[in-house]
Amino acid sequence: MTKAPKLAALAVLIHEGKVLLVKRKNEPDAGLWGYPGGHVDLGETALEAASRELFEETNVIAEPLNYLTNFDVIDKDPDGAIKHHFLLAAVLCQYKSGTPMAQDDVSDAQWIAFDDVLTSKLAMSKDVDTLLRIALEKT
């Protein structure tokens, strides 16, 4: 059996001076804040997956606009064996409707002030602040 990285999409949603983040229930990154997102289904674009996962996790509807960047997330165990390898496609989305409500595999979903993300006031997944900076440059 061949192991390969898993493709996932992140929805980066900025609205009224805040960014929508979720608190993960499951590993990797359980208990940390990050962008809504998850796996890309066969035949689905990462743009479509970002919008779908956003709705599934937060009940918020947004239109995917374009790709911002990609991140490799590779987690290894103490012996150096790879536990997880994800290629994350970050997608800039435009808010349409909905009030954040934690659903699916997240325990919380909230609009967070930019400054709270950029100054690491929350326990966050790796590169959440970096991705926000990229999104702000493109909006």
C-alpha atoms as a PDB file:
ATOM      1  CA  MET A   1       0.000   0.000   0.000  1.00  0.00           C
ATOM      2  CA  THR A   2       1.382   3.384  -0.999  1.00  0.00           C
ATOM      3  CA  LYS A   3       1.065   6.184   1.490  1.00  0.00           C
ATOM      4  CA  ALA A   4       0.590   9.682   0.135  1.00  0.00           C
ATOM      5  CA  PRO A   5      -0.090  13.150   1.524  1.00  0.00           C
ATOM      6  CA  LYS A   6      -3.733  14.030   2.077  1.00  0.00           C
ATOM      7  CA  LEU A   7      -5.153  17.069   0.315  1.00  0.00           C
ATOM      8  CA  ALA A   8      -7.208  19.406   2.456  1.00  0.00           C
ATOM      9  CA  ALA A   9      -8.641  22.896   1.986  1.00  0.00           C
ATOM     10  CA  LEU A  10      -8.832  25.787   4.444  1.00  0.00           C
ATOM     11  CA  ALA A  11     -11.443  28.549   4.224  1.00  0.00           C
ATOM     12  CA  VAL A  12     -10.006  31.964   5.051  1.00  0.00           C
ATOM     13  CA  LEU A  13     -12.958  34.236   5.689  1.00  0.00           C
ATOM     14  CA  ILE A  14     -12.545  37.907   6.591  1.00  0.00           C
ATOM     15  CA  HIS A  15     -15.609  39.951   7.481  1.00  0.00           C
ATOM     16  CA  GLU A  16     -16.057  43.306   9.218  1.00  0.00           C
ATOM     17  CA  GLY A  17     -12.499  43.468  10.485  1.00  0.00           C
ATOM     18  CA  LYS A  18     -12.390  39.945  11.866  1.00  0.00           C
ATOM     19  CA  VAL A  19     -11.435  36.465  10.699  1.00  0.00           C
ATOM     20  CA  LEU A  20     -13.471  33.296  11.278  1.00  0.00           C
ATOM     21  CA  LEU A  21     -11.587  30.636  13.242  1.00  0.00           C
ATOM     22  CA  VAL A  22     -12.592  27.307  14.722  1.00  0.00           C
ATOM     23  CA  LYS A  23     -11.302  25.285  17.659  1.00  0.00           C
ATOM     24  CA  ARG A  24     -10.476  21.718  16.591  1.00  0.00           C
ATOM     25  CA  LYS A  25     -11.867  18.711  18.488  1.00  0.00           C
ATOM     26  CA  ASN A  26      -9.663  16.071  16.873  1.00  0.00           C
ATOM     27  CA  GLU A  27      -5.999  15.455  16.192  1.00  0.00           C
ATOM     28  CA  PRO A  28      -3.981  16.801  14.691  1.00  0.00           C
ATOM     29  CA  ASP A  29      -4.293  20.160  16.459  1.00  0.00           C
ATOM     30  CA  ALA A  30      -7.055  19.226  18.920  1.00  0.00           C
ATOM     31  CA  GLY A  31      -7.785  22.210  21.163  1.00  0.00           C
ATOM     32  CA  LEU A  32      -6.087  24.705  18.856  1.00  0.00           C
ATOM     33  CA  TRP A  33      -7.672  27.513  16.848  1.00  0.00           C
ATOM     34  CA  GLY A  34      -7.369  27.453  13.084  1.00  0.00           C
ATOM     35  CA  TYR A  35      -9.242  27.977   9.858  1.00  0.00           C
ATOM     36  CA  PRO A  36     -12.318  25.924   9.016  1.00  0.00           C
ATOM     37  CA  GLY A  37     -11.450  23.193   6.572  1.00  0.00           C
ATOM     38  CA  GLY A  38     -10.925  19.557   5.846  1.00  0.00           C
ATOM     39  CA  HIS A  39     -10.424  16.904   3.203  1.00  0.00           C
ATOM     40  CA  VAL A  40     -11.026  17.400  -0.492  1.00  0.00           C
ATOM     41  CA  ASP A  41     -13.328  14.743  -1.964  1.00  0.00           C
ATOM     42  CA  LEU A  42     -12.517  12.984  -5.211  1.00  0.00           C
ATOM     43  CA  GLY A  43     -13.830  15.128  -8.083  1.00  0.00           C
ATOM     44  CA  GLU A  44     -14.164  18.213  -5.873  1.00  0.00           C
ATOM     45  CA  THR A  45     -11.893  21.219  -6.265  1.00  0.00           C
ATOM     46  CA  ALA A  46     -10.142  22.623  -3.219  1.00  0.00           C
ATOM     47  CA  LEU A  47     -12.193  25.808  -3.758  1.00  0.00           C
ATOM     48  CA  GLU A  48     -15.416  23.799  -3.475  1.00  0.00           C
ATOM     49  CA  ALA A  49     -14.097  21.831  -0.505  1.00  0.00           C
ATOM     50  CA  ALA A  50     -13.198  25.006   1.404  1.00  0.00           C
ATOM     51  CA  SER A  51     -16.729  26.355   1.014  1.00  0.00           C
ATOM     52  CA  ARG A  52     -18.320  22.994   1.905  1.00  0.00           C
ATOM     53  CA  GLU A  53     -16.132  22.440   4.961  1.00  0.00           C
ATOM     54  CA  LEU A  54     -16.741  26.010   6.129  1.00  0.00           C
ATOM     55  CA  PHE A  55     -20.483  25.396   6.115  1.00  0.00           C
ATOM     56  CA  GLU A  56     -20.203  21.925   7.697  1.00  0.00           C
ATOM     57  CA  GLU A  57     -18.064  23.224  10.567  1.00  0.00           C
ATOM     58  CA  THR A  58     -19.589  26.675  11.176  1.00  0.00           C
ATOM     59  CA  ASN A  59     -22.983  26.994   9.437  1.00  0.00           C
ATOM     60  CA  VAL A  60     -21.570  30.025   7.572  1.00  0.00           C
ATOM     61  CA  ILE A  61     -22.021  30.341   3.813  1.00  0.00           C
ATOM     62  CA  ALA A  62     -19.269  31.913   1.725  1.00  0.00           C
ATOM     63  CA  GLU A  63     -18.176  32.025  -1.886  1.00  0.00           C
ATOM     64  CA  PRO A  64     -14.670  30.727  -2.598  1.00  0.00           C
ATOM     65  CA  LEU A  65     -12.753  33.416  -4.505  1.00  0.00           C
ATOM     66  CA  ASN A  66      -9.228  32.183  -5.133  1.00  0.00           C
ATOM     67  CA  TYR A  67      -6.234  30.316  -3.794  1.00  0.00           C
ATOM     68  CA  LEU A  68      -3.987  32.177  -1.363  1.00  0.00           C
ATOM     69  CA  THR A  69      -1.172  29.672  -0.893  1.00  0.00           C
ATOM     70  CA  ASN A  70      -0.396  26.069   0.061  1.00  0.00           C
ATOM     71  CA  PHE A  71       1.119  24.685   3.260  1.00  0.00           C
ATOM     72  CA  ASP A  72       2.649  21.287   3.914  1.00  0.00           C
ATOM     73  CA  VAL A  73       1.966  20.005   7.415  1.00  0.00           C
ATOM     74  CA  ILE A  74       4.138  17.012   8.269  1.00  0.00           C
ATOM     75  CA  ASP A  75       3.978  15.575  11.799  1.00  0.00           C
ATOM     76  CA  LYS A  76       6.472  12.941  12.911  1.00  0.00           C
ATOM     77  CA  ASP A  77       6.581  10.687  15.944  1.00  0.00           C
ATOM     78  CA  PRO A  78       9.630  10.665  18.278  1.00  0.00           C
ATOM     79  CA  ASP A  79      11.299   8.006  16.100  1.00  0.00           C
ATOM     80  CA  GLY A  80      10.953  10.153  12.981  1.00  0.00           C
ATOM     81  CA  ALA A  81       8.137   8.175  11.355  1.00  0.00           C
ATOM     82  CA  ILE A  82       5.518  10.301   9.642  1.00  0.00           C
ATOM     83  CA  LYS A  83       2.212  10.390  11.540  1.00  0.00           C
ATOM     84  CA  HIS A  84       0.387  12.895   9.321  1.00  0.00           C
ATOM     85  CA  HIS A  85       1.164  14.639   6.045  1.00  0.00           C
ATOM     86  CA  PHE A  86      -1.334  17.150   4.705  1.00  0.00           C
ATOM     87  CA  LEU A  87      -1.074  19.542   1.802  1.00  0.00           C
ATOM     88  CA  LEU A  88      -3.363  22.412   2.794  1.00  0.00           C
ATOM     89  CA  ALA A  89      -4.766  24.627   0.056  1.00  0.00           C
ATOM     90  CA  ALA A  90      -5.716  27.966   1.609  1.00  0.00           C
ATOM     91  CA  VAL A  91      -8.737  29.536  -0.099  1.00  0.00           C
ATOM     92  CA  LEU A  92      -9.863  33.129   0.295  1.00  0.00           C
ATOM     93  CA  CYS A  93     -13.651  33.224   0.661  1.00  0.00           C
ATOM     94  CA  GLN A  94     -16.250  36.000   0.633  1.00  0.00           C
ATOM     95  CA  TYR A  95     -18.891  36.009   3.381  1.00  0.00           C
ATOM     96  CA  LYS A  96     -22.492  35.548   2.216  1.00  0.00           C
ATOM     97  CA  SER A  97     -24.543  34.656   5.310  1.00  0.00           C
ATOM     98  CA  GLY A  98     -24.773  32.824   8.595  1.00  0.00           C
ATOM     99  CA  THR A  99     -23.788  33.127  12.227  1.00  0.00           C
ATOM    100  CA  PRO A 100     -20.856  30.967  13.363  1.00  0.00           C
ATOM    101  CA  MET A 101     -22.011  27.891  15.242  1.00  0.00           C
ATOM    102  CA  ALA A 102     -19.650  25.014  16.091  1.00  0.00           C
ATOM    103  CA  GLN A 103     -20.650  21.867  14.223  1.00  0.00           C
ATOM    104  CA  ASP A 104     -19.063  18.657  12.952  1.00  0.00           C
ATOM    105  CA  ASP A 105     -15.504  18.264  14.290  1.00  0.00           C
ATOM    106  CA  VAL A 106     -15.046  21.670  15.957  1.00  0.00           C
ATOM    107  CA  SER A 107     -15.855  22.720  19.524  1.00  0.00           C
ATOM    108  CA  ASP A 108     -16.096  26.467  18.898  1.00  0.00           C
ATOM    109  CA  ALA A 109     -16.396  28.879  15.973  1.00  0.00           C
ATOM    110  CA  GLN A 110     -15.932  32.629  16.358  1.00  0.00           C
ATOM    111  CA  TRP A 111     -15.092  35.836  14.568  1.00  0.00           C
ATOM    112  CA  ILE A 112     -11.680  36.805  15.966  1.00  0.00           C
ATOM    113  CA  ALA A 113     -10.069  40.253  15.827  1.00  0.00           C
ATOM    114  CA  PHE A 114      -7.039  40.427  13.528  1.00  0.00           C
ATOM    115  CA  ASP A 115      -4.832  41.717  16.349  1.00  0.00           C
ATOM    116  CA  ASP A 116      -5.652  38.704  18.537  1.00  0.00           C
ATOM    117  CA  VAL A 117      -4.422  36.409  15.755  1.00  0.00           C
ATOM    118  CA  LEU A 118      -1.394  38.472  14.767  1.00  0.00           C
ATOM    119  CA  THR A 119      -0.196  38.775  18.382  1.00  0.00           C
ATOM    120  CA  SER A 120      -0.862  35.086  19.157  1.00  0.00           C
ATOM    121  CA  LYS A 121      -3.378  35.739  21.952  1.00  0.00           C
ATOM    122  CA  LEU A 122      -4.927  32.346  21.195  1.00  0.00           C
ATOM    123  CA  ALA A 123      -3.455  28.851  21.136  1.00  0.00           C
ATOM    124  CA  MET A 124      -3.373  28.396  17.359  1.00  0.00           C
ATOM    125  CA  SER A 125      -2.328  25.882  14.756  1.00  0.00           C
ATOM    126  CA  LYS A 126       0.932  26.595  12.970  1.00  0.00           C
ATOM    127  CA  ASP A 127       0.898  29.454  10.438  1.00  0.00           C
ATOM    128  CA  VAL A 128      -2.585  30.821  11.248  1.00  0.00           C
ATOM    129  CA  ASP A 129      -1.061  34.278  11.671  1.00  0.00           C
ATOM    130  CA  THR A 130       1.057  33.934   8.521  1.00  0.00           C
ATOM    131  CA  LEU A 131      -1.986  32.977   6.483  1.00  0.00           C
ATOM    132  CA  LEU A 132      -3.961  35.922   7.842  1.00  0.00           C
ATOM    133  CA  ARG A 133      -1.141  38.275   6.779  1.00  0.00           C
ATOM    134  CA  ILE A 134      -1.231  36.792   3.267  1.00  0.00           C
ATOM    135  CA  ALA A 135      -5.023  37.170   3.102  1.00  0.00           C
ATOM    136  CA  LEU A 136      -4.899  40.779   4.312  1.00  0.00           C
ATOM    137  CA  GLU A 137      -2.364  41.646   1.601  1.00  0.00           C
ATOM    138  CA  LYS A 138      -4.719  40.262  -1.048  1.00  0.00           C
ATOM    139  CA  THR A 139      -7.933  41.913   0.170  1.00  0.00           C
END
